[in-house]
Amino acid sequence: MSLEDDLGSAAEAAAAFAGQNERMEAILAAEPGVGRRLYLCAYSGGAGRTWLVLDDAGHAVTDRALVREAVSLAALCEIAGEAADDEPPRLASPAYLDAVGSADALAVAYAAVESLTQEVEAAYKVDLS
């Protein structure tokens, strides 16, 4: 199955988590380890932006460390991909960072990634453990 197909399936699963007057705004795929794909989902609505990470079975991830890993990896890969003029969708992975990321660009991105991670945790749709 292609990345686009996987994102489509994840988007369908993510739609079930949208609250009233809320819609899914974006979805990014991250693969922190070989064979473990996660999907970072952003929702928007009247109450602002909320977030959720889904596993490859469409279940909400509740492990705080895994959520932080997925968010950080997805954000770093988005920044590296934009700097390299690589068009989305892209699979965020350590291998992708090795291929297109520069140490200088990633060092500058650290503050933005940490800020996003804190935003995700603060507006996460389910309780984190």
C-alpha atoms as a PDB file:
ATOM      1  CA  MET A   1       0.000   0.000   0.000  1.00  0.00           C
ATOM      2  CA  SER A   2       1.339   3.444  -0.883  1.00  0.00           C
ATOM      3  CA  LEU A   3       1.914   6.253   1.610  1.00  0.00           C
ATOM      4  CA  GLU A   4      -1.031   8.139   0.106  1.00  0.00           C
ATOM      5  CA  ASP A   5      -3.292   5.114   0.670  1.00  0.00           C
ATOM      6  CA  ASP A   6      -2.025   4.734   4.236  1.00  0.00           C
ATOM      7  CA  LEU A   7      -2.694   8.423   4.912  1.00  0.00           C
ATOM      8  CA  GLY A   8      -6.200   8.051   3.495  1.00  0.00           C
ATOM      9  CA  SER A   9      -6.954   5.090   5.760  1.00  0.00           C
ATOM     10  CA  ALA A  10      -5.520   6.923   8.767  1.00  0.00           C
ATOM     11  CA  ALA A  11      -7.567  10.015   7.909  1.00  0.00           C
ATOM     12  CA  GLU A  12     -10.735   7.915   7.906  1.00  0.00           C
ATOM     13  CA  ALA A  13      -9.861   6.528  11.341  1.00  0.00           C
ATOM     14  CA  ALA A  14      -8.945  10.005  12.590  1.00  0.00           C
ATOM     15  CA  ALA A  15     -12.280  11.444  11.488  1.00  0.00           C
ATOM     16  CA  ALA A  16     -14.003   9.319  14.132  1.00  0.00           C
ATOM     17  CA  PHE A  17     -12.134  11.277  16.825  1.00  0.00           C
ATOM     18  CA  ALA A  18     -13.270  14.704  15.614  1.00  0.00           C
ATOM     19  CA  GLY A  19     -15.430  16.515  18.121  1.00  0.00           C
ATOM     20  CA  GLN A  20     -18.609  18.406  17.376  1.00  0.00           C
ATOM     21  CA  ASN A  21     -17.883  21.423  15.129  1.00  0.00           C
ATOM     22  CA  GLU A  22     -14.362  20.116  14.593  1.00  0.00           C
ATOM     23  CA  ARG A  23     -12.693  18.842  11.450  1.00  0.00           C
ATOM     24  CA  MET A  24      -9.440  17.094  10.737  1.00  0.00           C
ATOM     25  CA  GLU A  25      -7.065  19.672   9.329  1.00  0.00           C
ATOM     26  CA  ALA A  26      -3.866  17.732   8.610  1.00  0.00           C
ATOM     27  CA  ILE A  27      -2.243  14.339   8.979  1.00  0.00           C
ATOM     28  CA  LEU A  28       1.449  13.431   8.907  1.00  0.00           C
ATOM     29  CA  ALA A  29       2.966   9.950   8.869  1.00  0.00           C
ATOM     30  CA  ALA A  30       5.946   9.154  11.086  1.00  0.00           C
ATOM     31  CA  GLU A  31       7.908   5.941  11.390  1.00  0.00           C
ATOM     32  CA  PRO A  32      10.130   6.243  14.462  1.00  0.00           C
ATOM     33  CA  GLY A  33      11.144   2.580  14.176  1.00  0.00           C
ATOM     34  CA  VAL A  34      11.062   0.124  11.318  1.00  0.00           C
ATOM     35  CA  GLY A  35       7.564  -1.299  10.971  1.00  0.00           C
ATOM     36  CA  ARG A  36       5.974   1.099  13.469  1.00  0.00           C
ATOM     37  CA  ARG A  37       3.991   3.769  11.681  1.00  0.00           C
ATOM     38  CA  LEU A  38       2.198   6.560  13.540  1.00  0.00           C
ATOM     39  CA  TYR A  39      -0.033   9.352  12.298  1.00  0.00           C
ATOM     40  CA  LEU A  40      -0.010  12.848  13.791  1.00  0.00           C
ATOM     41  CA  CYS A  41      -3.493  14.334  13.308  1.00  0.00           C
ATOM     42  CA  ALA A  42      -4.393  18.012  13.728  1.00  0.00           C
ATOM     43  CA  TYR A  43      -8.012  19.058  14.226  1.00  0.00           C
ATOM     44  CA  SER A  44      -9.491  22.545  14.095  1.00  0.00           C
ATOM     45  CA  GLY A  45     -12.748  23.886  15.405  1.00  0.00           C
ATOM     46  CA  GLY A  46     -14.390  26.537  17.524  1.00  0.00           C
ATOM     47  CA  ALA A  47     -12.313  25.620  20.574  1.00  0.00           C
ATOM     48  CA  GLY A  48      -9.010  25.902  18.681  1.00  0.00           C
ATOM     49  CA  ARG A  49      -6.611  23.214  17.514  1.00  0.00           C
ATOM     50  CA  THR A  50      -6.484  19.758  19.079  1.00  0.00           C
ATOM     51  CA  TRP A  51      -4.165  16.853  18.354  1.00  0.00           C
ATOM     52  CA  LEU A  52      -4.053  13.082  18.301  1.00  0.00           C
ATOM     53  CA  VAL A  53      -1.513  10.434  17.316  1.00  0.00           C
ATOM     54  CA  LEU A  54      -2.914   7.215  15.892  1.00  0.00           C
ATOM     55  CA  ASP A  55      -1.120   3.911  15.524  1.00  0.00           C
ATOM     56  CA  ASP A  56      -1.265   1.943  12.287  1.00  0.00           C
ATOM     57  CA  ALA A  57      -4.447   0.182  13.483  1.00  0.00           C
ATOM     58  CA  GLY A  58      -6.246   3.517  13.941  1.00  0.00           C
ATOM     59  CA  HIS A  59      -6.101   3.505  17.763  1.00  0.00           C
ATOM     60  CA  ALA A  60      -5.260   6.598  19.804  1.00  0.00           C
ATOM     61  CA  VAL A  61      -1.732   6.523  21.209  1.00  0.00           C
ATOM     62  CA  THR A  62      -1.706   7.319  24.929  1.00  0.00           C
ATOM     63  CA  ASP A  63       1.985   6.803  25.711  1.00  0.00           C
ATOM     64  CA  ARG A  64       3.434  10.299  26.249  1.00  0.00           C
ATOM     65  CA  ALA A  65       6.963   9.313  25.188  1.00  0.00           C
ATOM     66  CA  LEU A  66       5.710   7.792  21.933  1.00  0.00           C
ATOM     67  CA  VAL A  67       3.569  10.870  21.203  1.00  0.00           C
ATOM     68  CA  ARG A  68       6.570  13.140  21.817  1.00  0.00           C
ATOM     69  CA  GLU A  69       8.706  10.964  19.536  1.00  0.00           C
ATOM     70  CA  ALA A  70       6.149  11.023  16.726  1.00  0.00           C
ATOM     71  CA  VAL A  71       5.594  14.784  16.998  1.00  0.00           C
ATOM     72  CA  SER A  72       9.303  15.596  17.115  1.00  0.00           C
ATOM     73  CA  LEU A  73      10.147  13.335  14.190  1.00  0.00           C
ATOM     74  CA  ALA A  74       7.258  14.592  12.063  1.00  0.00           C
ATOM     75  CA  ALA A  75       8.130  18.234  12.753  1.00  0.00           C
ATOM     76  CA  LEU A  76      11.842  17.780  12.048  1.00  0.00           C
ATOM     77  CA  CYS A  77      11.115  15.962   8.801  1.00  0.00           C
ATOM     78  CA  GLU A  78       8.650  18.647   7.702  1.00  0.00           C
ATOM     79  CA  ILE A  79      11.264  21.346   8.336  1.00  0.00           C
ATOM     80  CA  ALA A  80      14.000  19.336   6.583  1.00  0.00           C
ATOM     81  CA  GLY A  81      11.696  18.498   3.676  1.00  0.00           C
ATOM     82  CA  GLU A  82      10.706  22.116   3.160  1.00  0.00           C
ATOM     83  CA  ALA A  83      14.362  23.201   3.270  1.00  0.00           C
ATOM     84  CA  ALA A  84      15.175  20.533   0.653  1.00  0.00           C
ATOM     85  CA  ASP A  85      12.167  21.492  -1.522  1.00  0.00           C
ATOM     86  CA  ASP A  86      10.787  17.968  -1.151  1.00  0.00           C
ATOM     87  CA  GLU A  87       7.058  17.937  -1.834  1.00  0.00           C
ATOM     88  CA  PRO A  88       4.718  16.228   0.638  1.00  0.00           C
ATOM     89  CA  PRO A  89       3.469  13.737   1.454  1.00  0.00           C
ATOM     90  CA  ARG A  90       6.592  12.362   3.055  1.00  0.00           C
ATOM     91  CA  LEU A  91       7.178   9.639   5.592  1.00  0.00           C
ATOM     92  CA  ALA A  92       8.955  11.089   8.604  1.00  0.00           C
ATOM     93  CA  SER A  93      11.713   8.704   9.624  1.00  0.00           C
ATOM     94  CA  PRO A  94      15.289   8.807  10.871  1.00  0.00           C
ATOM     95  CA  ALA A  95      16.396   7.638   7.406  1.00  0.00           C
ATOM     96  CA  TYR A  96      14.582  10.587   5.806  1.00  0.00           C
ATOM     97  CA  LEU A  97      16.349  13.004   8.163  1.00  0.00           C
ATOM     98  CA  ASP A  98      19.694  11.424   7.288  1.00  0.00           C
ATOM     99  CA  ALA A  99      18.936  11.816   3.577  1.00  0.00           C
ATOM    100  CA  VAL A 100      17.707  15.425   3.460  1.00  0.00           C
ATOM    101  CA  GLY A 101      18.354  17.078   6.822  1.00  0.00           C
ATOM    102  CA  SER A 102      21.340  19.269   7.530  1.00  0.00           C
ATOM    103  CA  ALA A 103      22.726  19.575  11.044  1.00  0.00           C
ATOM    104  CA  ASP A 104      22.512  23.378  10.881  1.00  0.00           C
ATOM    105  CA  ALA A 105      18.854  23.435   9.809  1.00  0.00           C
ATOM    106  CA  LEU A 106      17.859  20.872  12.402  1.00  0.00           C
ATOM    107  CA  ALA A 107      19.700  22.682  15.187  1.00  0.00           C
ATOM    108  CA  VAL A 108      17.773  25.872  14.385  1.00  0.00           C
ATOM    109  CA  ALA A 109      14.510  23.906  14.331  1.00  0.00           C
ATOM    110  CA  TYR A 110      14.857  22.584  17.878  1.00  0.00           C
ATOM    111  CA  ALA A 111      12.932  25.421  19.573  1.00  0.00           C
ATOM    112  CA  ALA A 112      10.062  25.174  17.079  1.00  0.00           C
ATOM    113  CA  VAL A 113       9.856  21.400  17.518  1.00  0.00           C
ATOM    114  CA  GLU A 114       9.826  21.679  21.309  1.00  0.00           C
ATOM    115  CA  SER A 115       7.115  24.351  21.128  1.00  0.00           C
ATOM    116  CA  LEU A 116       4.955  22.162  18.870  1.00  0.00           C
ATOM    117  CA  THR A 117       5.456  19.168  21.156  1.00  0.00           C
ATOM    118  CA  GLN A 118       4.244  21.203  24.133  1.00  0.00           C
ATOM    119  CA  GLU A 119       1.232  22.440  22.129  1.00  0.00           C
ATOM    120  CA  VAL A 120       0.301  18.884  21.154  1.00  0.00           C
ATOM    121  CA  GLU A 121       0.534  17.636  24.736  1.00  0.00           C
ATOM    122  CA  ALA A 122      -1.531  20.571  26.041  1.00  0.00           C
ATOM    123  CA  ALA A 123      -4.340  20.050  23.506  1.00  0.00           C
ATOM    124  CA  TYR A 124      -4.224  16.259  23.161  1.00  0.00           C
ATOM    125  CA  LYS A 125      -7.606  14.618  22.640  1.00  0.00           C
ATOM    126  CA  VAL A 126      -7.112  11.742  25.113  1.00  0.00           C
ATOM    127  CA  ASP A 127      -5.267  11.339  28.414  1.00  0.00           C
ATOM    128  CA  LEU A 128      -1.562  10.591  28.136  1.00  0.00           C
ATOM    129  CA  SER A 129       0.221   8.176  30.415  1.00  0.00           C
END
